[in-house]
């Protein structure tokens, strides 16, 4: 089965309003993410998994990427579980991530 994930659907799933600004932002992130069409449908299951660790998928305000992040004030155990979940997901779907500093935050760079 082939599932098409539209920019509007992603915005809604990630909690953003659908307007000209957010549509332009997400379309730029999609265009800047090589292989996005191959793993986009798996972002929704990642979003559900990360919600158990106060994690989210968002649009970066400073770079044209999707961002995976966890609240930094969580317990060490919760942050470690978040990081492990993100790592397993990225390995399973061959997605390249770039960690932001030493924070529990990653940019989705593309599929490798």
PDB file of N, CA and C in Angstrom:
ATOM      1  N   UNK A   1       0.841  -1.175   0.000  1.00  0.00           N
ATOM      2  CA  UNK A   1       0.000   0.000   0.000  1.00  0.00           C
ATOM      3  C   UNK A   1       0.890   1.243   0.000  1.00  0.00           C
ATOM      4  N   UNK A   2       0.540   2.203  -0.813  1.00  0.00           N
ATOM      5  CA  UNK A   2       1.279   3.457  -0.917  1.00  0.00           C
ATOM      6  C   UNK A   2       0.487   4.556  -0.221  1.00  0.00           C
ATOM      7  N   UNK A   3       1.134   5.233   0.696  1.00  0.00           N
ATOM      8  CA  UNK A   3       0.485   6.312   1.426  1.00  0.00           C
ATOM      9  C   UNK A   3       1.173   7.618   1.070  1.00  0.00           C
ATOM     10  N   UNK A   4       0.396   8.588   0.591  1.00  0.00           N
ATOM     11  CA  UNK A   4       0.945   9.909   0.319  1.00  0.00           C
ATOM     12  C   UNK A   4       0.702  10.799   1.531  1.00  0.00           C
ATOM     13  N   UNK A   5       1.768  11.395   2.004  1.00  0.00           N
ATOM     14  CA  UNK A   5       1.675  12.309   3.129  1.00  0.00           C
ATOM     15  C   UNK A   5       1.775  13.723   2.564  1.00  0.00           C
ATOM     16  N   UNK A   6       0.711  14.481   2.680  1.00  0.00           N
ATOM     17  CA  UNK A   6       0.696  15.841   2.145  1.00  0.00           C
ATOM     18  C   UNK A   6       1.292  16.815   3.171  1.00  0.00           C
ATOM     19  N   UNK A   7       1.788  17.944   2.701  1.00  0.00           N
ATOM     20  CA  UNK A   7       2.285  18.952   3.643  1.00  0.00           C
ATOM     21  C   UNK A   7       1.207  19.382   4.637  1.00  0.00           C
ATOM     22  N   UNK A   8      -0.028  19.524   4.170  1.00  0.00           N
ATOM     23  CA  UNK A   8      -1.128  19.915   5.065  1.00  0.00           C
ATOM     24  C   UNK A   8      -1.356  18.866   6.158  1.00  0.00           C
ATOM     25  N   UNK A   9      -1.304  17.593   5.774  1.00  0.00           N
ATOM     26  CA  UNK A   9      -1.498  16.519   6.755  1.00  0.00           C
ATOM     27  C   UNK A   9      -0.387  16.524   7.799  1.00  0.00           C
ATOM     28  N   UNK A  10       0.852  16.724   7.349  1.00  0.00           N
ATOM     29  CA  UNK A  10       1.969  16.771   8.301  1.00  0.00           C
ATOM     30  C   UNK A  10       1.844  17.953   9.250  1.00  0.00           C
ATOM     31  N   UNK A  11       1.498  19.104   8.702  1.00  0.00           N
ATOM     32  CA  UNK A  11       1.325  20.273   9.574  1.00  0.00           C
ATOM     33  C   UNK A  11       0.295  19.992  10.655  1.00  0.00           C
ATOM     34  N   UNK A  12      -0.813  19.423  10.256  1.00  0.00           N
ATOM     35  CA  UNK A  12      -1.871  19.105  11.208  1.00  0.00           C
ATOM     36  C   UNK A  12      -1.390  18.100  12.251  1.00  0.00           C
ATOM     37  N   UNK A  13      -0.722  17.041  11.798  1.00  0.00           N
ATOM     38  CA  UNK A  13      -0.231  16.012  12.721  1.00  0.00           C
ATOM     39  C   UNK A  13       0.816  16.558  13.695  1.00  0.00           C
ATOM     40  N   UNK A  14       1.606  17.525  13.249  1.00  0.00           N
ATOM     41  CA  UNK A  14       2.642  18.091  14.102  1.00  0.00           C
ATOM     42  C   UNK A  14       2.149  19.272  14.926  1.00  0.00           C
ATOM     43  N   UNK A  15       0.852  19.603  14.813  1.00  0.00           N
ATOM     44  CA  UNK A  15       0.255  20.640  15.652  1.00  0.00           C
ATOM     45  C   UNK A  15       0.410  22.059  15.148  1.00  0.00           C
ATOM     46  N   UNK A  16       0.698  22.219  13.879  1.00  0.00           N
ATOM     47  CA  UNK A  16       0.843  23.554  13.291  1.00  0.00           C
ATOM     48  C   UNK A  16      -0.455  23.978  12.609  1.00  0.00           C
ATOM     49  N   UNK A  17      -0.731  25.271  12.569  1.00  0.00           N
ATOM     50  CA  UNK A  17      -1.865  25.736  11.772  1.00  0.00           C
ATOM     51  C   UNK A  17      -1.490  25.638  10.291  1.00  0.00           C
ATOM     52  N   UNK A  18      -2.462  25.403   9.450  1.00  0.00           N
ATOM     53  CA  UNK A  18      -2.210  25.355   8.013  1.00  0.00           C
ATOM     54  C   UNK A  18      -2.488  26.750   7.457  1.00  0.00           C
ATOM     55  N   UNK A  19      -1.400  27.447   7.100  1.00  0.00           N
ATOM     56  CA  UNK A  19      -1.522  28.774   6.500  1.00  0.00           C
ATOM     57  C   UNK A  19      -0.381  28.952   5.509  1.00  0.00           C
ATOM     58  N   UNK A  20      -0.351  30.076   4.829  1.00  0.00           N
ATOM     59  CA  UNK A  20       0.667  30.291   3.800  1.00  0.00           C
ATOM     60  C   UNK A  20       2.084  30.189   4.361  1.00  0.00           C
ATOM     61  N   UNK A  21       2.309  30.754   5.548  1.00  0.00           N
ATOM     62  CA  UNK A  21       3.645  30.734   6.147  1.00  0.00           C
ATOM     63  C   UNK A  21       4.093  29.307   6.473  1.00  0.00           C
ATOM     64  N   UNK A  22       3.244  28.535   7.163  1.00  0.00           N
ATOM     65  CA  UNK A  22       3.648  27.183   7.547  1.00  0.00           C
ATOM     66  C   UNK A  22       3.742  26.267   6.326  1.00  0.00           C
ATOM     67  N   UNK A  23       2.880  26.476   5.341  1.00  0.00           N
ATOM     68  CA  UNK A  23       2.977  25.672   4.118  1.00  0.00           C
ATOM     69  C   UNK A  23       4.294  25.942   3.402  1.00  0.00           C
ATOM     70  N   UNK A  24       4.693  27.195   3.311  1.00  0.00           N
ATOM     71  CA  UNK A  24       5.966  27.530   2.675  1.00  0.00           C
ATOM     72  C   UNK A  24       7.128  26.921   3.455  1.00  0.00           C
ATOM     73  N   UNK A  25       7.052  26.982   4.774  1.00  0.00           N
ATOM     74  CA  UNK A  25       8.123  26.452   5.620  1.00  0.00           C
ATOM     75  C   UNK A  25       8.252  24.937   5.469  1.00  0.00           C
ATOM     76  N   UNK A  26       7.138  24.222   5.485  1.00  0.00           N
ATOM     77  CA  UNK A  26       7.209  22.767   5.379  1.00  0.00           C
ATOM     78  C   UNK A  26       7.599  22.340   3.971  1.00  0.00           C
ATOM     79  N   UNK A  27       7.131  23.047   2.964  1.00  0.00           N
ATOM     80  CA  UNK A  27       7.516  22.703   1.596  1.00  0.00           C
ATOM     81  C   UNK A  27       9.015  22.903   1.386  1.00  0.00           C
ATOM     82  N   UNK A  28       9.580  23.917   2.010  1.00  0.00           N
ATOM     83  CA  UNK A  28      11.025  24.146   1.932  1.00  0.00           C
ATOM     84  C   UNK A  28      11.782  23.016   2.639  1.00  0.00           C
ATOM     85  N   UNK A  29      11.293  22.591   3.794  1.00  0.00           N
ATOM     86  CA  UNK A  29      11.930  21.496   4.523  1.00  0.00           C
ATOM     87  C   UNK A  29      11.859  20.196   3.721  1.00  0.00           C
ATOM     88  N   UNK A  30      10.717  19.923   3.113  1.00  0.00           N
ATOM     89  CA  UNK A  30      10.558  18.710   2.300  1.00  0.00           C
ATOM     90  C   UNK A  30      11.523  18.752   1.118  1.00  0.00           C
ATOM     91  N   UNK A  31      11.578  19.880   0.428  1.00  0.00           N
ATOM     92  CA  UNK A  31      12.458  20.019  -0.740  1.00  0.00           C
ATOM     93  C   UNK A  31      13.930  19.906  -0.355  1.00  0.00           C
ATOM     94  N   UNK A  32      14.268  20.257   0.876  1.00  0.00           N
ATOM     95  CA  UNK A  32      15.646  20.242   1.350  1.00  0.00           C
ATOM     96  C   UNK A  32      16.040  18.900   1.978  1.00  0.00           C
ATOM     97  N   UNK A  33      15.129  17.917   1.953  1.00  0.00           N
ATOM     98  CA  UNK A  33      15.378  16.629   2.594  1.00  0.00           C
ATOM     99  C   UNK A  33      15.398  15.524   1.541  1.00  0.00           C
ATOM    100  N   UNK A  34      16.589  15.161   1.043  1.00  0.00           N
ATOM    101  CA  UNK A  34      16.672  14.104   0.031  1.00  0.00           C
ATOM    102  C   UNK A  34      16.057  12.797   0.522  1.00  0.00           C
ATOM    103  N   UNK A  35      15.260  12.166  -0.334  1.00  0.00           N
ATOM    104  CA  UNK A  35      14.638  10.888  -0.001  1.00  0.00           C
ATOM    105  C   UNK A  35      13.416  11.007   0.895  1.00  0.00           C
ATOM    106  N   UNK A  36      12.948  12.214   1.120  1.00  0.00           N
ATOM    107  CA  UNK A  36      11.829  12.430   2.045  1.00  0.00           C
ATOM    108  C   UNK A  36      10.631  11.544   1.725  1.00  0.00           C
ATOM    109  N   UNK A  37      10.341  11.394   0.439  1.00  0.00           N
ATOM    110  CA  UNK A  37       9.163  10.613   0.033  1.00  0.00           C
ATOM    111  C   UNK A  37       9.276   9.146   0.438  1.00  0.00           C
ATOM    112  N   UNK A  38      10.491   8.664   0.696  1.00  0.00           N
ATOM    113  CA  UNK A  38      10.683   7.263   1.060  1.00  0.00           C
ATOM    114  C   UNK A  38      10.453   6.976   2.544  1.00  0.00           C
ATOM    115  N   UNK A  39      10.541   7.989   3.381  1.00  0.00           N
ATOM    116  CA  UNK A  39      10.345   7.746   4.819  1.00  0.00           C
ATOM    117  C   UNK A  39       9.271   8.629   5.449  1.00  0.00           C
ATOM    118  N   UNK A  40       8.662   9.499   4.666  1.00  0.00           N
ATOM    119  CA  UNK A  40       7.713  10.467   5.232  1.00  0.00           C
ATOM    120  C   UNK A  40       6.572   9.806   5.997  1.00  0.00           C
ATOM    121  N   UNK A  41       6.061   8.702   5.497  1.00  0.00           N
ATOM    122  CA  UNK A  41       4.936   8.053   6.181  1.00  0.00           C
ATOM    123  C   UNK A  41       5.345   7.498   7.544  1.00  0.00           C
ATOM    124  N   UNK A  42       6.631   7.281   7.737  1.00  0.00           N
ATOM    125  CA  UNK A  42       7.118   6.748   9.014  1.00  0.00           C
ATOM    126  C   UNK A  42       7.338   7.836  10.062  1.00  0.00           C
ATOM    127  N   UNK A  43       7.232   9.094   9.655  1.00  0.00           N
ATOM    128  CA  UNK A  43       7.335  10.189  10.626  1.00  0.00           C
ATOM    129  C   UNK A  43       6.180  10.148  11.630  1.00  0.00           C
ATOM    130  N   UNK A  44       5.019   9.709  11.179  1.00  0.00           N
ATOM    131  CA  UNK A  44       3.861   9.681  12.073  1.00  0.00           C
ATOM    132  C   UNK A  44       4.025   8.645  13.180  1.00  0.00           C
ATOM    133  N   UNK A  45       4.575   7.476  12.839  1.00  0.00           N
ATOM    134  CA  UNK A  45       4.804   6.473  13.886  1.00  0.00           C
ATOM    135  C   UNK A  45       5.913   6.936  14.831  1.00  0.00           C
ATOM    136  N   UNK A  46       6.932   7.636  14.291  1.00  0.00           N
ATOM    137  CA  UNK A  46       7.976   8.188  15.156  1.00  0.00           C
ATOM    138  C   UNK A  46       7.381   9.213  16.104  1.00  0.00           C
ATOM    139  N   UNK A  47       6.519  10.062  15.585  1.00  0.00           N
ATOM    140  CA  UNK A  47       5.858  11.071  16.423  1.00  0.00           C
ATOM    141  C   UNK A  47       5.119  10.406  17.584  1.00  0.00           C
ATOM    142  N   UNK A  48       4.402   9.337  17.301  1.00  0.00           N
ATOM    143  CA  UNK A  48       3.677   8.621  18.360  1.00  0.00           C
ATOM    144  C   UNK A  48       4.633   8.023  19.388  1.00  0.00           C
ATOM    145  N   UNK A  49       5.716   7.430  18.918  1.00  0.00           N
ATOM    146  CA  UNK A  49       6.703   6.838  19.828  1.00  0.00           C
ATOM    147  C   UNK A  49       7.334   7.903  20.723  1.00  0.00           C
ATOM    148  N   UNK A  50       7.691   9.035  20.122  1.00  0.00           N
ATOM    149  CA  UNK A  50       8.376  10.088  20.875  1.00  0.00           C
ATOM    150  C   UNK A  50       7.485  10.765  21.900  1.00  0.00           C
ATOM    151  N   UNK A  51       6.192  10.716  21.690  1.00  0.00           N
ATOM    152  CA  UNK A  51       5.278  11.353  22.640  1.00  0.00           C
ATOM    153  C   UNK A  51       5.395  10.737  24.039  1.00  0.00           C
ATOM    154  N   UNK A  52       5.853   9.495  24.130  1.00  0.00           N
ATOM    155  CA  UNK A  52       6.042   8.836  25.426  1.00  0.00           C
ATOM    156  C   UNK A  52       7.216   9.428  26.208  1.00  0.00           C
ATOM    157  N   UNK A  53       8.079  10.170  25.502  1.00  0.00           N
ATOM    158  CA  UNK A  53       9.274  10.749  26.115  1.00  0.00           C
ATOM    159  C   UNK A  53       9.248  12.273  26.067  1.00  0.00           C
ATOM    160  N   UNK A  54       8.065  12.864  25.921  1.00  0.00           N
ATOM    161  CA  UNK A  54       7.925  14.312  25.743  1.00  0.00           C
ATOM    162  C   UNK A  54       8.725  14.796  24.535  1.00  0.00           C
ATOM    163  N   UNK A  55       8.796  13.956  23.515  1.00  0.00           N
ATOM    164  CA  UNK A  55       9.502  14.302  22.291  1.00  0.00           C
ATOM    165  C   UNK A  55       8.527  14.715  21.203  1.00  0.00           C
ATOM    166  N   UNK A  56       9.018  15.508  20.261  1.00  0.00           N
ATOM    167  CA  UNK A  56       8.184  15.982  19.166  1.00  0.00           C
ATOM    168  C   UNK A  56       8.992  16.047  17.875  1.00  0.00           C
ATOM    169  N   UNK A  57       8.255  16.169  16.788  1.00  0.00           N
ATOM    170  CA  UNK A  57       8.845  16.485  15.495  1.00  0.00           C
ATOM    171  C   UNK A  57       8.319  17.867  15.146  1.00  0.00           C
ATOM    172  N   UNK A  58       9.219  18.735  14.751  1.00  0.00           N
ATOM    173  CA  UNK A  58       8.843  20.124  14.495  1.00  0.00           C
ATOM    174  C   UNK A  58       9.565  20.635  13.254  1.00  0.00           C
ATOM    175  N   UNK A  59       9.202  21.824  12.859  1.00  0.00           N
ATOM    176  CA  UNK A  59       9.919  22.526  11.796  1.00  0.00           C
ATOM    177  C   UNK A  59      10.937  23.435  12.461  1.00  0.00           C
ATOM    178  N   UNK A  60      12.159  23.392  11.983  1.00  0.00           N
ATOM    179  CA  UNK A  60      13.186  24.267  12.531  1.00  0.00           C
ATOM    180  C   UNK A  60      12.918  25.695  12.087  1.00  0.00           C
ATOM    181  N   UNK A  61      13.099  26.638  12.993  1.00  0.00           N
ATOM    182  CA  UNK A  61      12.949  28.047  12.654  1.00  0.00           C
ATOM    183  C   UNK A  61      14.232  28.640  12.078  1.00  0.00           C
ATOM    184  N   UNK A  62      15.360  27.952  12.302  1.00  0.00           N
ATOM    185  CA  UNK A  62      16.640  28.495  11.861  1.00  0.00           C
ATOM    186  C   UNK A  62      17.233  27.802  10.635  1.00  0.00           C
ATOM    187  N   UNK A  63      16.737  26.607  10.320  1.00  0.00           N
ATOM    188  CA  UNK A  63      17.247  25.841   9.176  1.00  0.00           C
ATOM    189  C   UNK A  63      16.062  25.212   8.438  1.00  0.00           C
ATOM    190  N   UNK A  64      16.200  24.958   7.139  1.00  0.00           N
ATOM    191  CA  UNK A  64      15.089  24.360   6.389  1.00  0.00           C
ATOM    192  C   UNK A  64      15.026  22.837   6.571  1.00  0.00           C
ATOM    193  N   UNK A  65      14.873  22.401   7.804  1.00  0.00           N
ATOM    194  CA  UNK A  65      14.834  20.982   8.148  1.00  0.00           C
ATOM    195  C   UNK A  65      13.692  20.691   9.109  1.00  0.00           C
ATOM    196  N   UNK A  66      13.368  19.402   9.170  1.00  0.00           N
ATOM    197  CA  UNK A  66      12.513  18.917  10.250  1.00  0.00           C
ATOM    198  C   UNK A  66      13.430  18.690  11.438  1.00  0.00           C
ATOM    199  N   UNK A  67      12.887  18.872  12.610  1.00  0.00           N
ATOM    200  CA  UNK A  67      13.671  18.753  13.836  1.00  0.00           C
ATOM    201  C   UNK A  67      12.971  17.759  14.755  1.00  0.00           C
ATOM    202  N   UNK A  68      13.753  16.864  15.337  1.00  0.00           N
ATOM    203  CA  UNK A  68      13.263  15.920  16.341  1.00  0.00           C
ATOM    204  C   UNK A  68      13.846  16.401  17.660  1.00  0.00           C
ATOM    205  N   UNK A  69      12.988  16.609  18.655  1.00  0.00           N
ATOM    206  CA  UNK A  69      13.529  17.135  19.910  1.00  0.00           C
ATOM    207  C   UNK A  69      12.791  16.566  21.113  1.00  0.00           C
ATOM    208  N   UNK A  70      13.481  16.644  22.232  1.00  0.00           N
ATOM    209  CA  UNK A  70      12.960  16.165  23.513  1.00  0.00           C
ATOM    210  C   UNK A  70      13.164  17.285  24.520  1.00  0.00           C
ATOM    211  N   UNK A  71      12.271  17.394  25.462  1.00  0.00           N
ATOM    212  CA  UNK A  71      12.425  18.400  26.514  1.00  0.00           C
ATOM    213  C   UNK A  71      13.693  18.119  27.304  1.00  0.00           C
ATOM    214  N   UNK A  72      14.530  19.118  27.420  1.00  0.00           N
ATOM    215  CA  UNK A  72      15.816  18.944  28.098  1.00  0.00           C
ATOM    216  C   UNK A  72      15.685  18.791  29.610  1.00  0.00           C
ATOM    217  N   UNK A  73      14.548  19.142  30.172  1.00  0.00           N
ATOM    218  CA  UNK A  73      14.383  19.031  31.620  1.00  0.00           C
ATOM    219  C   UNK A  73      13.830  17.664  32.034  1.00  0.00           C
ATOM    220  N   UNK A  74      13.778  16.707  31.106  1.00  0.00           N
ATOM    221  CA  UNK A  74      13.368  15.342  31.429  1.00  0.00           C
ATOM    222  C   UNK A  74      14.455  14.642  32.231  1.00  0.00           C
ATOM    223  N   UNK A  75      14.114  13.515  32.787  1.00  0.00           N
ATOM    224  CA  UNK A  75      15.101  12.723  33.511  1.00  0.00           C
ATOM    225  C   UNK A  75      16.138  12.177  32.531  1.00  0.00           C
ATOM    226  N   UNK A  76      17.305  11.815  33.051  1.00  0.00           N
ATOM    227  CA  UNK A  76      18.355  11.225  32.220  1.00  0.00           C
ATOM    228  C   UNK A  76      17.841   9.962  31.529  1.00  0.00           C
ATOM    229  N   UNK A  77      17.071   9.166  32.261  1.00  0.00           N
ATOM    230  CA  UNK A  77      16.551   7.918  31.706  1.00  0.00           C
ATOM    231  C   UNK A  77      15.595   8.179  30.549  1.00  0.00           C
ATOM    232  N   UNK A  78      14.761   9.195  30.705  1.00  0.00           N
ATOM    233  CA  UNK A  78      13.800   9.530  29.656  1.00  0.00           C
ATOM    234  C   UNK A  78      14.521  10.055  28.415  1.00  0.00           C
ATOM    235  N   UNK A  79      15.520  10.898  28.607  1.00  0.00           N
ATOM    236  CA  UNK A  79      16.286  11.424  27.475  1.00  0.00           C
ATOM    237  C   UNK A  79      17.033  10.295  26.780  1.00  0.00           C
ATOM    238  N   UNK A  80      17.588   9.367  27.540  1.00  0.00           N
ATOM    239  CA  UNK A  80      18.304   8.236  26.941  1.00  0.00           C
ATOM    240  C   UNK A  80      17.341   7.342  26.152  1.00  0.00           C
ATOM    241  N   UNK A  81      16.153   7.102  26.672  1.00  0.00           N
ATOM    242  CA  UNK A  81      15.153   6.314  25.942  1.00  0.00           C
ATOM    243  C   UNK A  81      14.736   7.039  24.658  1.00  0.00           C
ATOM    244  N   UNK A  82      14.600   8.357  24.742  1.00  0.00           N
ATOM    245  CA  UNK A  82      14.290   9.161  23.557  1.00  0.00           C
ATOM    246  C   UNK A  82      15.390   8.987  22.518  1.00  0.00           C
ATOM    247  N   UNK A  83      16.632   9.169  22.925  1.00  0.00           N
ATOM    248  CA  UNK A  83      17.760   9.056  21.990  1.00  0.00           C
ATOM    249  C   UNK A  83      17.825   7.672  21.351  1.00  0.00           C
ATOM    250  N   UNK A  84      17.583   6.651  22.140  1.00  0.00           N
ATOM    251  CA  UNK A  84      17.615   5.279  21.615  1.00  0.00           C
ATOM    252  C   UNK A  84      16.496   5.069  20.603  1.00  0.00           C
ATOM    253  N   UNK A  85      15.318   5.582  20.866  1.00  0.00           N
ATOM    254  CA  UNK A  85      14.203   5.460  19.923  1.00  0.00           C
ATOM    255  C   UNK A  85      14.499   6.172  18.614  1.00  0.00           C
ATOM    256  N   UNK A  86      15.070   7.358  18.706  1.00  0.00           N
ATOM    257  CA  UNK A  86      15.429   8.129  17.503  1.00  0.00           C
ATOM    258  C   UNK A  86      16.493   7.372  16.711  1.00  0.00           C
ATOM    259  N   UNK A  87      17.487   6.835  17.401  1.00  0.00           N
ATOM    260  CA  UNK A  87      18.557   6.087  16.737  1.00  0.00           C
ATOM    261  C   UNK A  87      18.007   4.861  16.010  1.00  0.00           C
ATOM    262  N   UNK A  88      17.159   4.095  16.680  1.00  0.00           N
ATOM    263  CA  UNK A  88      16.579   2.897  16.050  1.00  0.00           C
ATOM    264  C   UNK A  88      15.763   3.270  14.821  1.00  0.00           C
ATOM    265  N   UNK A  89      14.972   4.337  14.932  1.00  0.00           N
ATOM    266  CA  UNK A  89      14.152   4.776  13.806  1.00  0.00           C
ATOM    267  C   UNK A  89      15.037   5.189  12.638  1.00  0.00           C
ATOM    268  N   UNK A  90      16.069   5.981  12.910  1.00  0.00           N
ATOM    269  CA  UNK A  90      16.933   6.462  11.825  1.00  0.00           C
ATOM    270  C   UNK A  90      17.693   5.314  11.161  1.00  0.00           C
ATOM    271  N   UNK A  91      18.102   4.336  11.928  1.00  0.00           N
ATOM    272  CA  UNK A  91      18.787   3.174  11.350  1.00  0.00           C
ATOM    273  C   UNK A  91      17.829   2.327  10.520  1.00  0.00           C
ATOM    274  N   UNK A  92      16.636   2.112  11.029  1.00  0.00           N
ATOM    275  CA  UNK A  92      15.649   1.281  10.329  1.00  0.00           C
ATOM    276  C   UNK A  92      15.275   1.870   8.967  1.00  0.00           C
ATOM    277  N   UNK A  93      15.091   3.182   8.914  1.00  0.00           N
ATOM    278  CA  UNK A  93      14.664   3.824   7.669  1.00  0.00           C
ATOM    279  C   UNK A  93      15.803   4.519   6.936  1.00  0.00           C
ATOM    280  N   UNK A  94      17.040   4.287   7.403  1.00  0.00           N
ATOM    281  CA  UNK A  94      18.248   4.824   6.761  1.00  0.00           C
ATOM    282  C   UNK A  94      18.177   6.341   6.593  1.00  0.00           C
ATOM    283  N   UNK A  95      17.821   7.009   7.686  1.00  0.00           N
ATOM    284  CA  UNK A  95      17.682   8.453   7.694  1.00  0.00           C
ATOM    285  C   UNK A  95      18.902   9.061   8.392  1.00  0.00           C
ATOM    286  N   UNK A  96      19.491  10.046   7.742  1.00  0.00           N
ATOM    287  CA  UNK A  96      20.643  10.739   8.303  1.00  0.00           C
ATOM    288  C   UNK A  96      20.160  11.868   9.216  1.00  0.00           C
ATOM    289  N   UNK A  97      20.690  11.880  10.423  1.00  0.00           N
ATOM    290  CA  UNK A  97      20.358  12.919  11.398  1.00  0.00           C
ATOM    291  C   UNK A  97      21.605  13.712  11.736  1.00  0.00           C
ATOM    292  N   UNK A  98      21.396  14.944  12.150  1.00  0.00           N
ATOM    293  CA  UNK A  98      22.493  15.784  12.639  1.00  0.00           C
ATOM    294  C   UNK A  98      22.098  16.268  14.029  1.00  0.00           C
ATOM    295  N   UNK A  99      22.876  15.881  15.023  1.00  0.00           N
ATOM    296  CA  UNK A  99      22.583  16.310  16.386  1.00  0.00           C
ATOM    297  C   UNK A  99      22.927  17.782  16.555  1.00  0.00           C
ATOM    298  N   UNK A 100      22.091  18.484  17.298  1.00  0.00           N
ATOM    299  CA  UNK A 100      22.287  19.906  17.564  1.00  0.00           C
ATOM    300  C   UNK A 100      23.030  20.025  18.887  1.00  0.00           C
ATOM    301  N   UNK A 101      24.308  20.361  18.799  1.00  0.00           N
ATOM    302  CA  UNK A 101      25.122  20.468  20.006  1.00  0.00           C
ATOM    303  C   UNK A 101      25.123  19.157  20.759  1.00  0.00           C
ATOM    304  N   UNK A 102      24.972  19.232  22.066  1.00  0.00           N
ATOM    305  CA  UNK A 102      24.900  18.034  22.897  1.00  0.00           C
ATOM    306  C   UNK A 102      23.471  17.844  23.416  1.00  0.00           C
ATOM    307  N   UNK A 103      22.535  18.519  22.757  1.00  0.00           N
ATOM    308  CA  UNK A 103      21.137  18.493  23.178  1.00  0.00           C
ATOM    309  C   UNK A 103      20.418  17.265  22.627  1.00  0.00           C
ATOM    310  N   UNK A 104      19.287  16.909  23.226  1.00  0.00           N
ATOM    311  CA  UNK A 104      18.465  15.831  22.663  1.00  0.00           C
ATOM    312  C   UNK A 104      17.616  16.369  21.504  1.00  0.00           C
ATOM    313  N   UNK A 105      18.313  16.933  20.507  1.00  0.00           N
ATOM    314  CA  UNK A 105      17.676  17.554  19.359  1.00  0.00           C
ATOM    315  C   UNK A 105      18.437  17.154  18.106  1.00  0.00           C
ATOM    316  N   UNK A 106      17.703  16.801  17.060  1.00  0.00           N
ATOM    317  CA  UNK A 106      18.311  16.351  15.811  1.00  0.00           C
ATOM    318  C   UNK A 106      17.595  16.974  14.625  1.00  0.00           C
ATOM    319  N   UNK A 107      18.372  17.319  13.598  1.00  0.00           N
ATOM    320  CA  UNK A 107      17.791  17.706  12.313  1.00  0.00           C
ATOM    321  C   UNK A 107      17.714  16.460  11.442  1.00  0.00           C
ATOM    322  N   UNK A 108      16.635  16.329  10.690  1.00  0.00           N
ATOM    323  CA  UNK A 108      16.527  15.254   9.705  1.00  0.00           C
ATOM    324  C   UNK A 108      17.147  15.784   8.423  1.00  0.00           C
ATOM    325  N   UNK A 109      18.294  15.235   8.046  1.00  0.00           N
ATOM    326  CA  UNK A 109      19.061  15.720   6.903  1.00  0.00           C
ATOM    327  C   UNK A 109      18.611  15.059   5.601  1.00  0.00           C
ATOM    328  N   UNK A 110      18.243  13.804   5.644  1.00  0.00           N
ATOM    329  CA  UNK A 110      17.796  13.093   4.451  1.00  0.00           C
ATOM    330  C   UNK A 110      17.986  11.597   4.603  1.00  0.00           C
ATOM    331  N   UNK A 111      17.699  10.891   3.545  1.00  0.00           N
ATOM    332  CA  UNK A 111      17.866   9.440   3.570  1.00  0.00           C
ATOM    333  C   UNK A 111      19.205   9.084   2.966  1.00  0.00           C
ATOM    334  N   UNK A 112      19.928   8.175   3.636  1.00  0.00           N
ATOM    335  CA  UNK A 112      21.248   7.797   3.123  1.00  0.00           C
ATOM    336  C   UNK A 112      21.196   6.518   2.322  1.00  0.00           C
TER     337      UNK A 112
END
